[in-house]
Amino acid sequence: MVAAYGDGVEALEIFQREPDRFDLRISNQTMPVITGTRLLESMRRVRADLPVVVGIGYRDMLDQDNANQAAYSSVRRKPFTLVELSHTIVGALSARN
């Protein structure tokens, strides 16, 4: 099942209520209200094992060192194809086992 939310705050609220419902999180770094990194930090407090993939744009201030420090499973620079995203998802899910 795929769930989509209007912003990171809504996603976090639902995740905090049902953290085991999710196998993976995919989001942008730049979002309204909360950044992808802040969302990650909040989710990790609830469930540290959740794989997280983040999409970053040209202007996002997230380099690979910051991404590694934040413990993202994968960082994809936009634009990316659905094939690239599907490989990223498979890799993130496989790495957790």
PDB file of N, CA and C in Angstrom:
ATOM      1  N   MET A   1       0.831  -1.174   0.000  1.00  0.00           N
ATOM      2  CA  MET A   1       0.000   0.000   0.000  1.00  0.00           C
ATOM      3  C   MET A   1       0.879   1.243   0.000  1.00  0.00           C
ATOM      4  N   VAL A   2       0.472   2.240  -0.724  1.00  0.00           N
ATOM      5  CA  VAL A   2       1.158   3.520  -0.771  1.00  0.00           C
ATOM      6  C   VAL A   2       0.262   4.561  -0.114  1.00  0.00           C
ATOM      7  N   ALA A   3       0.829   5.377   0.740  1.00  0.00           N
ATOM      8  CA  ALA A   3       0.083   6.460   1.386  1.00  0.00           C
ATOM      9  C   ALA A   3       0.753   7.775   1.038  1.00  0.00           C
ATOM     10  N   ALA A   4      -0.042   8.769   0.683  1.00  0.00           N
ATOM     11  CA  ALA A   4       0.487  10.097   0.346  1.00  0.00           C
ATOM     12  C   ALA A   4      -0.156  11.123   1.267  1.00  0.00           C
ATOM     13  N   TYR A   5       0.643  12.115   1.662  1.00  0.00           N
ATOM     14  CA  TYR A   5       0.165  13.131   2.588  1.00  0.00           C
ATOM     15  C   TYR A   5       0.478  14.513   2.043  1.00  0.00           C
ATOM     16  N   GLY A   6      -0.296  15.491   2.491  1.00  0.00           N
ATOM     17  CA  GLY A   6      -0.179  16.853   1.988  1.00  0.00           C
ATOM     18  C   GLY A   6       1.087  17.566   2.412  1.00  0.00           C
ATOM     19  N   ASP A   7       1.632  17.195   3.558  1.00  0.00           N
ATOM     20  CA  ASP A   7       2.882  17.801   4.019  1.00  0.00           C
ATOM     21  C   ASP A   7       3.528  16.881   5.049  1.00  0.00           C
ATOM     22  N   GLY A   8       4.736  17.221   5.443  1.00  0.00           N
ATOM     23  CA  GLY A   8       5.497  16.388   6.361  1.00  0.00           C
ATOM     24  C   GLY A   8       4.896  16.294   7.748  1.00  0.00           C
ATOM     25  N   VAL A   9       4.237  17.341   8.200  1.00  0.00           N
ATOM     26  CA  VAL A   9       3.627  17.325   9.530  1.00  0.00           C
ATOM     27  C   VAL A   9       2.492  16.300   9.573  1.00  0.00           C
ATOM     28  N   GLU A  10       1.667  16.294   8.537  1.00  0.00           N
ATOM     29  CA  GLU A  10       0.591  15.306   8.459  1.00  0.00           C
ATOM     30  C   GLU A  10       1.166  13.891   8.411  1.00  0.00           C
ATOM     31  N   ALA A  11       2.203  13.695   7.609  1.00  0.00           N
ATOM     32  CA  ALA A  11       2.844  12.379   7.513  1.00  0.00           C
ATOM     33  C   ALA A  11       3.394  11.943   8.870  1.00  0.00           C
ATOM     34  N   LEU A  12       4.025  12.858   9.585  1.00  0.00           N
ATOM     35  CA  LEU A  12       4.591  12.533  10.895  1.00  0.00           C
ATOM     36  C   LEU A  12       3.501  12.163  11.890  1.00  0.00           C
ATOM     37  N   GLU A  13       2.411  12.907  11.909  1.00  0.00           N
ATOM     38  CA  GLU A  13       1.321  12.618  12.842  1.00  0.00           C
ATOM     39  C   GLU A  13       0.765  11.209  12.628  1.00  0.00           C
ATOM     40  N   ILE A  14       0.558  10.843  11.380  1.00  0.00           N
ATOM     41  CA  ILE A  14       0.026   9.513  11.080  1.00  0.00           C
ATOM     42  C   ILE A  14       1.068   8.444  11.392  1.00  0.00           C
ATOM     43  N   PHE A  15       2.315   8.713  11.058  1.00  0.00           N
ATOM     44  CA  PHE A  15       3.390   7.764  11.356  1.00  0.00           C
ATOM     45  C   PHE A  15       3.504   7.522  12.862  1.00  0.00           C
ATOM     46  N   GLN A  16       3.403   8.567  13.665  1.00  0.00           N
ATOM     47  CA  GLN A  16       3.521   8.411  15.111  1.00  0.00           C
ATOM     48  C   GLN A  16       2.380   7.569  15.686  1.00  0.00           C
ATOM     49  N   ARG A  17       1.213   7.623  15.069  1.00  0.00           N
ATOM     50  CA  ARG A  17       0.081   6.812  15.531  1.00  0.00           C
ATOM     51  C   ARG A  17       0.217   5.350  15.127  1.00  0.00           C
ATOM     52  N   GLU A  18       0.795   5.093  13.944  1.00  0.00           N
ATOM     53  CA  GLU A  18       0.885   3.731  13.412  1.00  0.00           C
ATOM     54  C   GLU A  18       2.250   3.475  12.784  1.00  0.00           C
ATOM     55  N   PRO A  19       3.331   3.507  13.555  1.00  0.00           N
ATOM     56  CA  PRO A  19       4.664   3.401  12.959  1.00  0.00           C
ATOM     57  C   PRO A  19       4.951   2.073  12.268  1.00  0.00           C
ATOM     58  N   ASP A  20       4.319   1.001  12.708  1.00  0.00           N
ATOM     59  CA  ASP A  20       4.595  -0.305  12.097  1.00  0.00           C
ATOM     60  C   ASP A  20       3.817  -0.533  10.809  1.00  0.00           C
ATOM     61  N   ARG A  21       2.981   0.403  10.445  1.00  0.00           N
ATOM     62  CA  ARG A  21       2.220   0.314   9.196  1.00  0.00           C
ATOM     63  C   ARG A  21       3.109   0.590   7.977  1.00  0.00           C
ATOM     64  N   PHE A  22       4.263   1.186   8.184  1.00  0.00           N
ATOM     65  CA  PHE A  22       5.104   1.664   7.090  1.00  0.00           C
ATOM     66  C   PHE A  22       6.370   0.829   6.946  1.00  0.00           C
ATOM     67  N   ASP A  23       6.745   0.553   5.696  1.00  0.00           N
ATOM     68  CA  ASP A  23       7.968  -0.181   5.390  1.00  0.00           C
ATOM     69  C   ASP A  23       9.076   0.739   4.898  1.00  0.00           C
ATOM     70  N   LEU A  24       8.712   1.924   4.405  1.00  0.00           N
ATOM     71  CA  LEU A  24       9.669   2.831   3.764  1.00  0.00           C
ATOM     72  C   LEU A  24       9.050   4.221   3.697  1.00  0.00           C
ATOM     73  N   ARG A  25       9.894   5.239   3.790  1.00  0.00           N
ATOM     74  CA  ARG A  25       9.409   6.605   3.596  1.00  0.00           C
ATOM     75  C   ARG A  25      10.166   7.217   2.440  1.00  0.00           C
ATOM     76  N   ILE A  26       9.437   7.870   1.542  1.00  0.00           N
ATOM     77  CA  ILE A  26      10.030   8.623   0.441  1.00  0.00           C
ATOM     78  C   ILE A  26       9.498  10.042   0.550  1.00  0.00           C
ATOM     79  N   SER A  27      10.397  11.011   0.535  1.00  0.00           N
ATOM     80  CA  SER A  27       9.940  12.399   0.594  1.00  0.00           C
ATOM     81  C   SER A  27      10.947  13.300  -0.091  1.00  0.00           C
ATOM     82  N   ASN A  28      10.571  14.537  -0.206  1.00  0.00           N
ATOM     83  CA  ASN A  28      11.488  15.572  -0.672  1.00  0.00           C
ATOM     84  C   ASN A  28      12.236  16.147   0.517  1.00  0.00           C
ATOM     85  N   GLN A  29      13.356  16.758   0.252  1.00  0.00           N
ATOM     86  CA  GLN A  29      14.055  17.491   1.295  1.00  0.00           C
ATOM     87  C   GLN A  29      13.324  18.798   1.581  1.00  0.00           C
ATOM     88  N   THR A  30      12.929  19.490   0.526  1.00  0.00           N
ATOM     89  CA  THR A  30      12.231  20.764   0.685  1.00  0.00           C
ATOM     90  C   THR A  30      10.735  20.525   0.600  1.00  0.00           C
ATOM     91  N   MET A  31      10.058  20.802   1.707  1.00  0.00           N
ATOM     92  CA  MET A  31       8.599  20.637   1.784  1.00  0.00           C
ATOM     93  C   MET A  31       8.033  21.795   2.600  1.00  0.00           C
ATOM     94  N   PRO A  32       6.739  22.031   2.479  1.00  0.00           N
ATOM     95  CA  PRO A  32       6.126  23.039   3.337  1.00  0.00           C
ATOM     96  C   PRO A  32       6.192  22.617   4.804  1.00  0.00           C
ATOM     97  N   VAL A  33       6.395  23.518   5.682  1.00  0.00           N
ATOM     98  CA  VAL A  33       6.318  23.374   7.138  1.00  0.00           C
ATOM     99  C   VAL A  33       7.539  22.698   7.760  1.00  0.00           C
ATOM    100  N   ILE A  34       7.993  21.564   7.227  1.00  0.00           N
ATOM    101  CA  ILE A  34       9.088  20.806   7.837  1.00  0.00           C
ATOM    102  C   ILE A  34       9.989  20.267   6.733  1.00  0.00           C
ATOM    103  N   THR A  35      11.293  20.277   6.959  1.00  0.00           N
ATOM    104  CA  THR A  35      12.221  19.734   5.958  1.00  0.00           C
ATOM    105  C   THR A  35      12.247  18.214   6.043  1.00  0.00           C
ATOM    106  N   GLY A  36      12.746  17.604   4.990  1.00  0.00           N
ATOM    107  CA  GLY A  36      12.904  16.156   4.993  1.00  0.00           C
ATOM    108  C   GLY A  36      13.809  15.680   6.111  1.00  0.00           C
ATOM    109  N   THR A  37      14.855  16.434   6.422  1.00  0.00           N
ATOM    110  CA  THR A  37      15.783  16.054   7.495  1.00  0.00           C
ATOM    111  C   THR A  37      15.101  16.115   8.857  1.00  0.00           C
ATOM    112  N   ARG A  38      14.330  17.153   9.105  1.00  0.00           N
ATOM    113  CA  ARG A  38      13.624  17.242  10.398  1.00  0.00           C
ATOM    114  C   ARG A  38      12.580  16.142  10.524  1.00  0.00           C
ATOM    115  N   LEU A  39      11.910  15.827   9.415  1.00  0.00           N
ATOM    116  CA  LEU A  39      10.947  14.731   9.427  1.00  0.00           C
ATOM    117  C   LEU A  39      11.650  13.416   9.737  1.00  0.00           C
ATOM    118  N   LEU A  40      12.795  13.187   9.108  1.00  0.00           N
ATOM    119  CA  LEU A  40      13.581  11.986   9.361  1.00  0.00           C
ATOM    120  C   LEU A  40      13.956  11.872  10.830  1.00  0.00           C
ATOM    121  N   GLU A  41      14.475  12.947  11.398  1.00  0.00           N
ATOM    122  CA  GLU A  41      14.884  12.925  12.807  1.00  0.00           C
ATOM    123  C   GLU A  41      13.709  12.560  13.714  1.00  0.00           C
ATOM    124  N   SER A  42      12.550  13.119  13.455  1.00  0.00           N
ATOM    125  CA  SER A  42      11.365  12.834  14.266  1.00  0.00           C
ATOM    126  C   SER A  42      10.915  11.388  14.104  1.00  0.00           C
ATOM    127  N   MET A  43      10.963  10.883  12.879  1.00  0.00           N
ATOM    128  CA  MET A  43      10.558   9.499  12.637  1.00  0.00           C
ATOM    129  C   MET A  43      11.548   8.515  13.247  1.00  0.00           C
ATOM    130  N   ARG A  44      12.823   8.832  13.192  1.00  0.00           N
ATOM    131  CA  ARG A  44      13.852   7.944  13.758  1.00  0.00           C
ATOM    132  C   ARG A  44      13.700   7.787  15.267  1.00  0.00           C
ATOM    133  N   ARG A  45      13.185   8.803  15.941  1.00  0.00           N
ATOM    134  CA  ARG A  45      12.951   8.691  17.390  1.00  0.00           C
ATOM    135  C   ARG A  45      11.885   7.634  17.687  1.00  0.00           C
ATOM    136  N   VAL A  46      10.979   7.457  16.761  1.00  0.00           N
ATOM    137  CA  VAL A  46       9.898   6.486  16.938  1.00  0.00           C
ATOM    138  C   VAL A  46      10.324   5.110  16.428  1.00  0.00           C
ATOM    139  N   ARG A  47      10.988   5.105  15.281  1.00  0.00           N
ATOM    140  CA  ARG A  47      11.363   3.833  14.646  1.00  0.00           C
ATOM    141  C   ARG A  47      12.668   3.995  13.879  1.00  0.00           C
ATOM    142  N   ALA A  48      13.757   3.617  14.503  1.00  0.00           N
ATOM    143  CA  ALA A  48      15.091   3.836  13.942  1.00  0.00           C
ATOM    144  C   ALA A  48      15.383   2.972  12.720  1.00  0.00           C
ATOM    145  N   ASP A  49      14.669   1.874  12.536  1.00  0.00           N
ATOM    146  CA  ASP A  49      14.967   0.945  11.447  1.00  0.00           C
ATOM    147  C   ASP A  49      14.273   1.286  10.129  1.00  0.00           C
ATOM    148  N   LEU A  50      13.457   2.316  10.099  1.00  0.00           N
ATOM    149  CA  LEU A  50      12.698   2.638   8.899  1.00  0.00           C
ATOM    150  C   LEU A  50      13.606   3.153   7.787  1.00  0.00           C
ATOM    151  N   PRO A  51      13.627   2.497   6.618  1.00  0.00           N
ATOM    152  CA  PRO A  51      14.398   3.019   5.491  1.00  0.00           C
ATOM    153  C   PRO A  51      13.783   4.322   4.985  1.00  0.00           C
ATOM    154  N   VAL A  52      14.637   5.285   4.677  1.00  0.00           N
ATOM    155  CA  VAL A  52      14.163   6.600   4.240  1.00  0.00           C
ATOM    156  C   VAL A  52      14.918   7.021   2.987  1.00  0.00           C
ATOM    157  N   VAL A  53      14.152   7.340   1.942  1.00  0.00           N
ATOM    158  CA  VAL A  53      14.701   7.830   0.679  1.00  0.00           C
ATOM    159  C   VAL A  53      14.262   9.283   0.538  1.00  0.00           C
ATOM    160  N   VAL A  54      15.194  10.152   0.182  1.00  0.00           N
ATOM    161  CA  VAL A  54      14.857  11.562   0.017  1.00  0.00           C
ATOM    162  C   VAL A  54      15.242  12.013  -1.382  1.00  0.00           C
ATOM    163  N   GLY A  55      14.370  12.817  -1.976  1.00  0.00           N
ATOM    164  CA  GLY A  55      14.647  13.441  -3.265  1.00  0.00           C
ATOM    165  C   GLY A  55      15.113  14.869  -3.027  1.00  0.00           C
ATOM    166  N   ILE A  56      16.180  15.240  -3.697  1.00  0.00           N
ATOM    167  CA  ILE A  56      16.695  16.596  -3.530  1.00  0.00           C
ATOM    168  C   ILE A  56      16.753  17.288  -4.879  1.00  0.00           C
ATOM    169  N   GLY A  57      16.487  18.568  -4.859  1.00  0.00           N
ATOM    170  CA  GLY A  57      16.553  19.380  -6.055  1.00  0.00           C
ATOM    171  C   GLY A  57      17.862  20.129  -6.136  1.00  0.00           C
ATOM    172  N   TYR A  58      18.013  20.867  -7.192  1.00  0.00           N
ATOM    173  CA  TYR A  58      19.239  21.608  -7.458  1.00  0.00           C
ATOM    174  C   TYR A  58      19.602  22.554  -6.326  1.00  0.00           C
ATOM    175  N   ARG A  59      18.620  23.192  -5.731  1.00  0.00           N
ATOM    176  CA  ARG A  59      18.887  24.202  -4.707  1.00  0.00           C
ATOM    177  C   ARG A  59      18.880  23.671  -3.281  1.00  0.00           C
ATOM    178  N   ASP A  60      18.566  22.415  -3.085  1.00  0.00           N
ATOM    179  CA  ASP A  60      18.549  21.868  -1.734  1.00  0.00           C
ATOM    180  C   ASP A  60      19.945  21.871  -1.133  1.00  0.00           C
ATOM    181  N   MET A  61      20.008  22.249   0.100  1.00  0.00           N
ATOM    182  CA  MET A  61      21.275  22.335   0.816  1.00  0.00           C
ATOM    183  C   MET A  61      21.547  21.032   1.558  1.00  0.00           C
ATOM    184  N   LEU A  62      21.621  19.953   0.827  1.00  0.00           N
ATOM    185  CA  LEU A  62      21.880  18.656   1.418  1.00  0.00           C
ATOM    186  C   LEU A  62      22.931  17.969   0.570  1.00  0.00           C
ATOM    187  N   ASP A  63      24.128  17.861   1.094  1.00  0.00           N
ATOM    188  CA  ASP A  63      25.163  17.143   0.358  1.00  0.00           C
ATOM    189  C   ASP A  63      25.267  15.723   0.920  1.00  0.00           C
ATOM    190  N   GLN A  64      26.096  14.899   0.325  1.00  0.00           N
ATOM    191  CA  GLN A  64      26.177  13.494   0.721  1.00  0.00           C
ATOM    192  C   GLN A  64      26.647  13.339   2.163  1.00  0.00           C
ATOM    193  N   ASP A  65      27.556  14.193   2.634  1.00  0.00           N
ATOM    194  CA  ASP A  65      27.997  14.104   4.025  1.00  0.00           C
ATOM    195  C   ASP A  65      26.841  14.356   4.984  1.00  0.00           C
ATOM    196  N   ASN A  66      26.045  15.390   4.700  1.00  0.00           N
ATOM    197  CA  ASN A  66      24.883  15.675   5.546  1.00  0.00           C
ATOM    198  C   ASN A  66      23.856  14.557   5.465  1.00  0.00           C
ATOM    199  N   ALA A  67      23.690  14.005   4.285  1.00  0.00           N
ATOM    200  CA  ALA A  67      22.743  12.901   4.111  1.00  0.00           C
ATOM    201  C   ALA A  67      23.190  11.684   4.905  1.00  0.00           C
ATOM    202  N   ASN A  68      24.477  11.378   4.878  1.00  0.00           N
ATOM    203  CA  ASN A  68      24.990  10.251   5.648  1.00  0.00           C
ATOM    204  C   ASN A  68      24.837  10.497   7.144  1.00  0.00           C
ATOM    205  N   GLN A  69      25.104  11.703   7.574  1.00  0.00           N
ATOM    206  CA  GLN A  69      24.975  12.060   8.979  1.00  0.00           C
ATOM    207  C   GLN A  69      23.518  11.939   9.423  1.00  0.00           C
ATOM    208  N   ALA A  70      22.605  12.322   8.577  1.00  0.00           N
ATOM    209  CA  ALA A  70      21.181  12.241   8.899  1.00  0.00           C
ATOM    210  C   ALA A  70      20.667  10.803   8.836  1.00  0.00           C
ATOM    211  N   ALA A  71      21.442   9.910   8.264  1.00  0.00           N
ATOM    212  CA  ALA A  71      21.116   8.479   8.171  1.00  0.00           C
ATOM    213  C   ALA A  71      20.002   8.183   7.172  1.00  0.00           C
ATOM    214  N   TYR A  72      20.011   8.898   6.049  1.00  0.00           N
ATOM    215  CA  TYR A  72      19.108   8.539   4.962  1.00  0.00           C
ATOM    216  C   TYR A  72      19.564   7.217   4.377  1.00  0.00           C
ATOM    217  N   SER A  73      18.628   6.394   3.962  1.00  0.00           N
ATOM    218  CA  SER A  73      18.973   5.152   3.282  1.00  0.00           C
ATOM    219  C   SER A  73      19.512   5.450   1.892  1.00  0.00           C
ATOM    220  N   SER A  74      18.925   6.463   1.245  1.00  0.00           N
ATOM    221  CA  SER A  74      19.361   6.847  -0.084  1.00  0.00           C
ATOM    222  C   SER A  74      18.937   8.278  -0.373  1.00  0.00           C
ATOM    223  N   VAL A  75      19.752   8.957  -1.162  1.00  0.00           N
ATOM    224  CA  VAL A  75      19.447  10.312  -1.612  1.00  0.00           C
ATOM    225  C   VAL A  75      19.434  10.282  -3.133  1.00  0.00           C
ATOM    226  N   ARG A  76      18.342  10.771  -3.731  1.00  0.00           N
ATOM    227  CA  ARG A  76      18.220  10.821  -5.184  1.00  0.00           C
ATOM    228  C   ARG A  76      18.129  12.273  -5.616  1.00  0.00           C
ATOM    229  N   ARG A  77      19.005  12.661  -6.518  1.00  0.00           N
ATOM    230  CA  ARG A  77      18.929  14.014  -7.088  1.00  0.00           C
ATOM    231  C   ARG A  77      17.868  14.023  -8.172  1.00  0.00           C
ATOM    232  N   LYS A  78      16.967  15.010  -8.108  1.00  0.00           N
ATOM    233  CA  LYS A  78      15.905  15.159  -9.113  1.00  0.00           C
ATOM    234  C   LYS A  78      16.456  15.891 -10.327  1.00  0.00           C
ATOM    235  N   PRO A  79      15.948  15.597 -11.483  1.00  0.00           N
ATOM    236  CA  PRO A  79      14.895  14.619 -11.753  1.00  0.00           C
ATOM    237  C   PRO A  79      15.455  13.199 -11.795  1.00  0.00           C
ATOM    238  N   PHE A  80      14.632  12.249 -11.440  1.00  0.00           N
ATOM    239  CA  PHE A  80      15.001  10.843 -11.568  1.00  0.00           C
ATOM    240  C   PHE A  80      13.851  10.110 -12.233  1.00  0.00           C
ATOM    241  N   THR A  81      14.163   8.986 -12.833  1.00  0.00           N
ATOM    242  CA  THR A  81      13.145   8.207 -13.530  1.00  0.00           C
ATOM    243  C   THR A  81      12.472   7.241 -12.556  1.00  0.00           C
ATOM    244  N   LEU A  82      11.346   6.688 -12.983  1.00  0.00           N
ATOM    245  CA  LEU A  82      10.679   5.681 -12.162  1.00  0.00           C
ATOM    246  C   LEU A  82      11.543   4.430 -12.011  1.00  0.00           C
ATOM    247  N   VAL A  83      12.296   4.100 -13.033  1.00  0.00           N
ATOM    248  CA  VAL A  83      13.195   2.949 -12.946  1.00  0.00           C
ATOM    249  C   VAL A  83      14.273   3.207 -11.893  1.00  0.00           C
ATOM    250  N   GLU A  84      14.864   4.398 -11.920  1.00  0.00           N
ATOM    251  CA  GLU A  84      15.867   4.742 -10.902  1.00  0.00           C
ATOM    252  C   GLU A  84      15.261   4.709  -9.503  1.00  0.00           C
ATOM    253  N   LEU A  85      14.056   5.252  -9.360  1.00  0.00           N
ATOM    254  CA  LEU A  85      13.391   5.246  -8.057  1.00  0.00           C
ATOM    255  C   LEU A  85      13.087   3.824  -7.606  1.00  0.00           C
ATOM    256  N   SER A  86      12.641   2.977  -8.520  1.00  0.00           N
ATOM    257  CA  SER A  86      12.331   1.600  -8.135  1.00  0.00           C
ATOM    258  C   SER A  86      13.591   0.854  -7.688  1.00  0.00           C
ATOM    259  N   HIS A  87      14.722   1.091  -8.347  1.00  0.00           N
ATOM    260  CA  HIS A  87      15.993   0.482  -7.915  1.00  0.00           C
ATOM    261  C   HIS A  87      16.388   0.997  -6.532  1.00  0.00           C
ATOM    262  N   THR A  88      16.165   2.269  -6.298  1.00  0.00           N
ATOM    263  CA  THR A  88      16.476   2.867  -5.004  1.00  0.00           C
ATOM    264  C   THR A  88      15.619   2.246  -3.903  1.00  0.00           C
ATOM    265  N   ILE A  89      14.345   2.064  -4.167  1.00  0.00           N
ATOM    266  CA  ILE A  89      13.433   1.466  -3.185  1.00  0.00           C
ATOM    267  C   ILE A  89      13.851   0.034  -2.867  1.00  0.00           C
ATOM    268  N   VAL A  90      14.125  -0.742  -3.898  1.00  0.00           N
ATOM    269  CA  VAL A  90      14.555  -2.133  -3.693  1.00  0.00           C
ATOM    270  C   VAL A  90      15.844  -2.167  -2.863  1.00  0.00           C
ATOM    271  N   GLY A  91      16.784  -1.288  -3.190  1.00  0.00           N
ATOM    272  CA  GLY A  91      18.037  -1.246  -2.440  1.00  0.00           C
ATOM    273  C   GLY A  91      17.839  -0.865  -0.986  1.00  0.00           C
ATOM    274  N   ALA A  92      16.988   0.113  -0.731  1.00  0.00           N
ATOM    275  CA  ALA A  92      16.742   0.548   0.650  1.00  0.00           C
ATOM    276  C   ALA A  92      16.050  -0.546   1.458  1.00  0.00           C
ATOM    277  N   LEU A  93      15.102  -1.230   0.849  1.00  0.00           N
ATOM    278  CA  LEU A  93      14.410  -2.302   1.558  1.00  0.00           C
ATOM    279  C   LEU A  93      15.318  -3.507   1.766  1.00  0.00           C
ATOM    280  N   SER A  94      16.154  -3.811   0.787  1.00  0.00           N
ATOM    281  CA  SER A  94      17.076  -4.947   0.898  1.00  0.00           C
ATOM    282  C   SER A  94      18.148  -4.714   1.957  1.00  0.00           C
ATOM    283  N   ALA A  95      18.600  -3.485   2.075  1.00  0.00           N
ATOM    284  CA  ALA A  95      19.673  -3.165   3.016  1.00  0.00           C
ATOM    285  C   ALA A  95      19.241  -3.324   4.461  1.00  0.00           C
ATOM    286  N   ARG A  96      17.974  -3.256   4.711  1.00  0.00           N
ATOM    287  CA  ARG A  96      17.518  -3.351   6.102  1.00  0.00           C
ATOM    288  C   ARG A  96      17.450  -4.786   6.579  1.00  0.00           C
ATOM    289  N   ASN A  97      17.495  -5.761   5.670  1.00  0.00           N
ATOM    290  CA  ASN A  97      17.429  -7.181   6.058  1.00  0.00           C
ATOM    291  C   ASN A  97      18.781  -7.754   6.314  1.00  0.00           C
TER     292      ASN A  97
END
